[in-house]
């Protein structure tokens, strides 16, 4: 905690606000990246399941035709 107090004494309010803003921006960016990765995974899961269903429908249609 002593180091934080020393840093607090070194930076003026404007610099502290700039540092906070940069930290918030980086955190939001990381959260967005994580969210997008989860969406991609969910989308790929849906596509995989849709492909399985499509194959079953196709097989059933072929069986009925014969």
PDB file of N, CA and C in Angstrom:
ATOM      1  N   UNK A   1       0.824  -1.190   0.000  1.00  0.00           N
ATOM      2  CA  UNK A   1       0.000   0.000   0.000  1.00  0.00           C
ATOM      3  C   UNK A   1       0.865   1.250   0.000  1.00  0.00           C
ATOM      4  N   UNK A   2       2.045   1.136   0.548  1.00  0.00           N
ATOM      5  CA  UNK A   2       2.940   2.290   0.599  1.00  0.00           C
ATOM      6  C   UNK A   2       3.268   2.778  -0.809  1.00  0.00           C
ATOM      7  N   UNK A   3       3.481   1.827  -1.734  1.00  0.00           N
ATOM      8  CA  UNK A   3       3.790   2.201  -3.117  1.00  0.00           C
ATOM      9  C   UNK A   3       2.624   2.934  -3.768  1.00  0.00           C
ATOM     10  N   UNK A   4       1.406   2.491  -3.475  1.00  0.00           N
ATOM     11  CA  UNK A   4       0.237   3.174  -4.027  1.00  0.00           C
ATOM     12  C   UNK A   4       0.153   4.601  -3.514  1.00  0.00           C
ATOM     13  N   UNK A   5       0.476   4.789  -2.249  1.00  0.00           N
ATOM     14  CA  UNK A   5       0.457   6.139  -1.684  1.00  0.00           C
ATOM     15  C   UNK A   5       1.502   7.003  -2.371  1.00  0.00           C
ATOM     16  N   UNK A   6       2.702   6.433  -2.605  1.00  0.00           N
ATOM     17  CA  UNK A   6       3.764   7.174  -3.288  1.00  0.00           C
ATOM     18  C   UNK A   6       3.332   7.533  -4.705  1.00  0.00           C
ATOM     19  N   UNK A   7       2.723   6.586  -5.404  1.00  0.00           N
ATOM     20  CA  UNK A   7       2.248   6.870  -6.762  1.00  0.00           C
ATOM     21  C   UNK A   7       1.178   7.951  -6.746  1.00  0.00           C
ATOM     22  N   UNK A   8       0.334   7.910  -5.732  1.00  0.00           N
ATOM     23  CA  UNK A   8      -0.718   8.911  -5.604  1.00  0.00           C
ATOM     24  C   UNK A   8      -0.113  10.306  -5.455  1.00  0.00           C
ATOM     25  N   UNK A   9       1.021  10.376  -4.807  1.00  0.00           N
ATOM     26  CA  UNK A   9       1.687  11.663  -4.610  1.00  0.00           C
ATOM     27  C   UNK A   9       2.404  12.131  -5.881  1.00  0.00           C
ATOM     28  N   UNK A  10       2.814  11.193  -6.729  1.00  0.00           N
ATOM     29  CA  UNK A  10       3.581  11.531  -7.935  1.00  0.00           C
ATOM     30  C   UNK A  10       2.683  12.107  -9.027  1.00  0.00           C
ATOM     31  N   UNK A  11       1.514  11.519  -9.226  1.00  0.00           N
ATOM     32  CA  UNK A  11       0.647  11.925 -10.330  1.00  0.00           C
ATOM     33  C   UNK A  11      -0.351  12.985  -9.890  1.00  0.00           C
ATOM     34  N   UNK A  12      -0.600  13.942 -10.788  1.00  0.00           N
ATOM     35  CA  UNK A  12      -1.647  14.926 -10.488  1.00  0.00           C
ATOM     36  C   UNK A  12      -3.001  14.326 -10.868  1.00  0.00           C
ATOM     37  N   UNK A  13      -4.064  15.024 -10.557  1.00  0.00           N
ATOM     38  CA  UNK A  13      -5.418  14.496 -10.781  1.00  0.00           C
ATOM     39  C   UNK A  13      -5.679  14.176 -12.251  1.00  0.00           C
ATOM     40  N   UNK A  14      -5.210  15.011 -13.148  1.00  0.00           N
ATOM     41  CA  UNK A  14      -5.427  14.784 -14.582  1.00  0.00           C
ATOM     42  C   UNK A  14      -4.745  13.502 -15.031  1.00  0.00           C
ATOM     43  N   UNK A  15      -3.528  13.277 -14.557  1.00  0.00           N
ATOM     44  CA  UNK A  15      -2.803  12.057 -14.919  1.00  0.00           C
ATOM     45  C   UNK A  15      -3.501  10.824 -14.341  1.00  0.00           C
ATOM     46  N   UNK A  16      -3.978  10.938 -13.103  1.00  0.00           N
ATOM     47  CA  UNK A  16      -4.684   9.808 -12.482  1.00  0.00           C
ATOM     48  C   UNK A  16      -5.948   9.468 -13.262  1.00  0.00           C
ATOM     49  N   UNK A  17      -6.683  10.481 -13.686  1.00  0.00           N
ATOM     50  CA  UNK A  17      -7.906  10.247 -14.463  1.00  0.00           C
ATOM     51  C   UNK A  17      -7.578   9.600 -15.806  1.00  0.00           C
ATOM     52  N   UNK A  18      -6.477  10.023 -16.428  1.00  0.00           N
ATOM     53  CA  UNK A  18      -6.066   9.433 -17.707  1.00  0.00           C
ATOM     54  C   UNK A  18      -5.692   7.965 -17.519  1.00  0.00           C
ATOM     55  N   UNK A  19      -4.999   7.663 -16.432  1.00  0.00           N
ATOM     56  CA  UNK A  19      -4.612   6.278 -16.138  1.00  0.00           C
ATOM     57  C   UNK A  19      -5.863   5.428 -15.893  1.00  0.00           C
ATOM     58  N   UNK A  20      -6.805   5.957 -15.123  1.00  0.00           N
ATOM     59  CA  UNK A  20      -8.059   5.236 -14.865  1.00  0.00           C
ATOM     60  C   UNK A  20      -8.825   5.002 -16.162  1.00  0.00           C
ATOM     61  N   UNK A  21      -8.896   6.023 -17.007  1.00  0.00           N
ATOM     62  CA  UNK A  21      -9.626   5.893 -18.273  1.00  0.00           C
ATOM     63  C   UNK A  21      -8.993   4.825 -19.156  1.00  0.00           C
ATOM     64  N   UNK A  22      -7.667   4.789 -19.197  1.00  0.00           N
ATOM     65  CA  UNK A  22      -6.973   3.782 -20.008  1.00  0.00           C
ATOM     66  C   UNK A  22      -7.234   2.378 -19.453  1.00  0.00           C
ATOM     67  N   UNK A  23      -7.220   2.248 -18.128  1.00  0.00           N
ATOM     68  CA  UNK A  23      -7.481   0.945 -17.505  1.00  0.00           C
ATOM     69  C   UNK A  23      -8.900   0.475 -17.811  1.00  0.00           C
ATOM     70  N   UNK A  24      -9.860   1.380 -17.733  1.00  0.00           N
ATOM     71  CA  UNK A  24     -11.252   1.033 -18.032  1.00  0.00           C
ATOM     72  C   UNK A  24     -11.392   0.634 -19.499  1.00  0.00           C
ATOM     73  N   UNK A  25     -10.745   1.381 -20.390  1.00  0.00           N
ATOM     74  CA  UNK A  25     -10.806   1.074 -21.826  1.00  0.00           C
ATOM     75  C   UNK A  25     -10.238  -0.311 -22.110  1.00  0.00           C
ATOM     76  N   UNK A  26      -9.106  -0.647 -21.484  1.00  0.00           N
ATOM     77  CA  UNK A  26      -8.503  -1.969 -21.680  1.00  0.00           C
ATOM     78  C   UNK A  26      -9.416  -3.070 -21.133  1.00  0.00           C
ATOM     79  N   UNK A  27     -10.013  -2.830 -19.976  1.00  0.00           N
ATOM     80  CA  UNK A  27     -10.905  -3.830 -19.379  1.00  0.00           C
ATOM     81  C   UNK A  27     -12.120  -4.073 -20.270  1.00  0.00           C
ATOM     82  N   UNK A  28     -12.696  -3.007 -20.801  1.00  0.00           N
ATOM     83  CA  UNK A  28     -13.856  -3.137 -21.693  1.00  0.00           C
ATOM     84  C   UNK A  28     -13.468  -3.894 -22.955  1.00  0.00           C
ATOM     85  N   UNK A  29     -12.303  -3.591 -23.493  1.00  0.00           N
ATOM     86  CA  UNK A  29     -11.830  -4.271 -24.697  1.00  0.00           C
ATOM     87  C   UNK A  29     -11.671  -5.772 -24.443  1.00  0.00           C
ATOM     88  N   UNK A  30     -11.089  -6.122 -23.300  1.00  0.00           N
ATOM     89  CA  UNK A  30     -10.915  -7.538 -22.967  1.00  0.00           C
ATOM     90  C   UNK A  30     -12.267  -8.230 -22.779  1.00  0.00           C
ATOM     91  N   UNK A  31     -13.203  -7.553 -22.139  1.00  0.00           N
ATOM     92  CA  UNK A  31     -14.543  -8.127 -21.971  1.00  0.00           C
ATOM     93  C   UNK A  31     -15.227  -8.322 -23.318  1.00  0.00           C
ATOM     94  N   UNK A  32     -15.085  -7.350 -24.211  1.00  0.00           N
ATOM     95  CA  UNK A  32     -15.675  -7.473 -25.548  1.00  0.00           C
ATOM     96  C   UNK A  32     -15.079  -8.658 -26.291  1.00  0.00           C
ATOM     97  N   UNK A  33     -13.749  -8.811 -26.205  1.00  0.00           N
ATOM     98  CA  UNK A  33     -13.090  -9.935 -26.871  1.00  0.00           C
ATOM     99  C   UNK A  33     -13.604 -11.265 -26.324  1.00  0.00           C
ATOM    100  N   UNK A  34     -13.750 -11.340 -25.004  1.00  0.00           N
ATOM    101  CA  UNK A  34     -14.255 -12.561 -24.371  1.00  0.00           C
ATOM    102  C   UNK A  34     -15.689 -12.841 -24.807  1.00  0.00           C
ATOM    103  N   UNK A  35     -16.515 -11.812 -24.810  1.00  0.00           N
ATOM    104  CA  UNK A  35     -17.920 -11.951 -25.211  1.00  0.00           C
ATOM    105  C   UNK A  35     -18.019 -12.431 -26.658  1.00  0.00           C
ATOM    106  N   UNK A  36     -17.213 -11.834 -27.548  1.00  0.00           N
ATOM    107  CA  UNK A  36     -17.241 -12.241 -28.957  1.00  0.00           C
ATOM    108  C   UNK A  36     -16.782 -13.686 -29.125  1.00  0.00           C
ATOM    109  N   UNK A  37     -15.786 -14.087 -28.361  1.00  0.00           N
ATOM    110  CA  UNK A  37     -15.318 -15.471 -28.439  1.00  0.00           C
ATOM    111  C   UNK A  37     -16.421 -16.437 -28.000  1.00  0.00           C
ATOM    112  N   UNK A  38     -17.140 -16.073 -26.946  1.00  0.00           N
ATOM    113  CA  UNK A  38     -18.247 -16.924 -26.492  1.00  0.00           C
ATOM    114  C   UNK A  38     -19.365 -16.976 -27.524  1.00  0.00           C
ATOM    115  N   UNK A  39     -19.667 -15.837 -28.153  1.00  0.00           N
ATOM    116  CA  UNK A  39     -20.696 -15.826 -29.200  1.00  0.00           C
ATOM    117  C   UNK A  39     -20.293 -16.713 -30.367  1.00  0.00           C
ATOM    118  N   UNK A  40     -19.016 -16.638 -30.770  1.00  0.00           N
ATOM    119  CA  UNK A  40     -18.538 -17.478 -31.873  1.00  0.00           C
ATOM    120  C   UNK A  40     -18.690 -18.954 -31.518  1.00  0.00           C
ATOM    121  N   UNK A  41     -18.320 -19.306 -30.281  1.00  0.00           N
ATOM    122  CA  UNK A  41     -18.436 -20.703 -29.858  1.00  0.00           C
ATOM    123  C   UNK A  41     -19.896 -21.139 -29.881  1.00  0.00           C
ATOM    124  N   UNK A  42     -20.780 -20.305 -29.345  1.00  0.00           N
ATOM    125  CA  UNK A  42     -22.210 -20.631 -29.359  1.00  0.00           C
ATOM    126  C   UNK A  42     -22.715 -20.798 -30.784  1.00  0.00           C
ATOM    127  N   UNK A  43     -22.300 -19.919 -31.671  1.00  0.00           N
ATOM    128  CA  UNK A  43     -22.722 -20.000 -33.068  1.00  0.00           C
ATOM    129  C   UNK A  43     -22.224 -21.287 -33.709  1.00  0.00           C
ATOM    130  N   UNK A  44     -20.979 -21.653 -33.445  1.00  0.00           N
ATOM    131  CA  UNK A  44     -20.443 -22.888 -34.012  1.00  0.00           C
ATOM    132  C   UNK A  44     -21.197 -24.103 -33.463  1.00  0.00           C
ATOM    133  N   UNK A  45     -21.569 -24.070 -32.181  1.00  0.00           N
ATOM    134  CA  UNK A  45     -22.361 -25.164 -31.605  1.00  0.00           C
ATOM    135  C   UNK A  45     -23.710 -25.283 -32.309  1.00  0.00           C
ATOM    136  N   UNK A  46     -24.355 -24.156 -32.563  1.00  0.00           N
ATOM    137  CA  UNK A  46     -25.649 -24.157 -33.253  1.00  0.00           C
ATOM    138  C   UNK A  46     -25.491 -24.703 -34.667  1.00  0.00           C
ATOM    139  N   UNK A  47     -24.444 -24.275 -35.364  1.00  0.00           N
ATOM    140  CA  UNK A  47     -24.202 -24.759 -36.729  1.00  0.00           C
ATOM    141  C   UNK A  47     -23.976 -26.268 -36.723  1.00  0.00           C
ATOM    142  N   UNK A  48     -23.180 -26.758 -35.767  1.00  0.00           N
ATOM    143  CA  UNK A  48     -22.932 -28.200 -35.672  1.00  0.00           C
ATOM    144  C   UNK A  48     -24.234 -28.973 -35.444  1.00  0.00           C
ATOM    145  N   UNK A  49     -25.072 -28.472 -34.539  1.00  0.00           N
ATOM    146  CA  UNK A  49     -26.346 -29.150 -34.265  1.00  0.00           C
ATOM    147  C   UNK A  49     -27.272 -29.091 -35.473  1.00  0.00           C
ATOM    148  N   UNK A  50     -27.281 -27.964 -36.163  1.00  0.00           N
ATOM    149  CA  UNK A  50     -28.118 -27.830 -37.357  1.00  0.00           C
ATOM    150  C   UNK A  50     -27.661 -28.810 -38.435  1.00  0.00           C
ATOM    151  N   UNK A  51     -26.363 -28.993 -38.550  1.00  0.00           N
ATOM    152  CA  UNK A  51     -25.834 -29.934 -39.539  1.00  0.00           C
ATOM    153  C   UNK A  51     -26.274 -31.363 -39.212  1.00  0.00           C
ATOM    154  N   UNK A  52     -26.249 -31.722 -37.945  1.00  0.00           N
ATOM    155  CA  UNK A  52     -26.694 -33.055 -37.524  1.00  0.00           C
ATOM    156  C   UNK A  52     -28.175 -33.252 -37.864  1.00  0.00           C
ATOM    157  N   UNK A  53     -28.989 -32.254 -37.544  1.00  0.00           N
ATOM    158  CA  UNK A  53     -30.427 -32.333 -37.836  1.00  0.00           C
ATOM    159  C   UNK A  53     -30.647 -32.433 -39.341  1.00  0.00           C
ATOM    160  N   UNK A  54     -29.926 -31.623 -40.119  1.00  0.00           N
ATOM    161  CA  UNK A  54     -30.068 -31.649 -41.571  1.00  0.00           C
ATOM    162  C   UNK A  54     -29.735 -33.032 -42.127  1.00  0.00           C
ATOM    163  N   UNK A  55     -28.668 -33.641 -41.629  1.00  0.00           N
ATOM    164  CA  UNK A  55     -28.288 -34.976 -42.104  1.00  0.00           C
ATOM    165  C   UNK A  55     -29.383 -35.999 -41.794  1.00  0.00           C
ATOM    166  N   UNK A  56     -29.996 -35.896 -40.611  1.00  0.00           N
ATOM    167  CA  UNK A  56     -31.083 -36.817 -40.259  1.00  0.00           C
ATOM    168  C   UNK A  56     -32.278 -36.616 -41.182  1.00  0.00           C
ATOM    169  N   UNK A  57     -32.622 -35.357 -41.431  1.00  0.00           N
ATOM    170  CA  UNK A  57     -33.750 -35.062 -42.326  1.00  0.00           C
ATOM    171  C   UNK A  57     -33.453 -35.599 -43.723  1.00  0.00           C
ATOM    172  N   UNK A  58     -32.247 -35.384 -44.204  1.00  0.00           N
ATOM    173  CA  UNK A  58     -31.846 -35.839 -45.531  1.00  0.00           C
ATOM    174  C   UNK A  58     -31.922 -37.362 -45.627  1.00  0.00           C
ATOM    175  N   UNK A  59     -31.414 -38.056 -44.602  1.00  0.00           N
ATOM    176  CA  UNK A  59     -31.468 -39.523 -44.598  1.00  0.00           C
ATOM    177  C   UNK A  59     -32.915 -40.011 -44.599  1.00  0.00           C
ATOM    178  N   UNK A  60     -33.762 -39.382 -43.792  1.00  0.00           N
ATOM    179  CA  UNK A  60     -35.179 -39.772 -43.751  1.00  0.00           C
ATOM    180  C   UNK A  60     -35.844 -39.546 -45.103  1.00  0.00           C
ATOM    181  N   UNK A  61     -35.534 -38.435 -45.734  1.00  0.00           N
ATOM    182  CA  UNK A  61     -36.127 -38.136 -47.040  1.00  0.00           C
ATOM    183  C   UNK A  61     -35.683 -39.167 -48.069  1.00  0.00           C
ATOM    184  N   UNK A  62     -34.415 -39.552 -48.042  1.00  0.00           N
ATOM    185  CA  UNK A  62     -33.911 -40.560 -48.977  1.00  0.00           C
ATOM    186  C   UNK A  62     -34.566 -41.916 -48.714  1.00  0.00           C
ATOM    187  N   UNK A  63     -34.739 -42.272 -47.439  1.00  0.00           N
ATOM    188  CA  UNK A  63     -35.369 -43.560 -47.106  1.00  0.00           C
ATOM    189  C   UNK A  63     -36.808 -43.602 -47.581  1.00  0.00           C
ATOM    190  N   UNK A  64     -37.533 -42.507 -47.406  1.00  0.00           N
ATOM    191  CA  UNK A  64     -38.934 -42.462 -47.825  1.00  0.00           C
ATOM    192  C   UNK A  64     -39.055 -42.535 -49.339  1.00  0.00           C
ATOM    193  N   UNK A  65     -38.073 -41.974 -50.033  1.00  0.00           N
ATOM    194  CA  UNK A  65     -38.111 -41.967 -51.495  1.00  0.00           C
ATOM    195  C   UNK A  65     -37.918 -43.377 -52.046  1.00  0.00           C
ATOM    196  N   UNK A  66     -37.144 -44.178 -51.348  1.00  0.00           N
ATOM    197  CA  UNK A  66     -36.867 -45.551 -51.808  1.00  0.00           C
ATOM    198  C   UNK A  66     -38.001 -46.404 -51.444  1.00  0.00           C
TER     199      UNK A  66
END
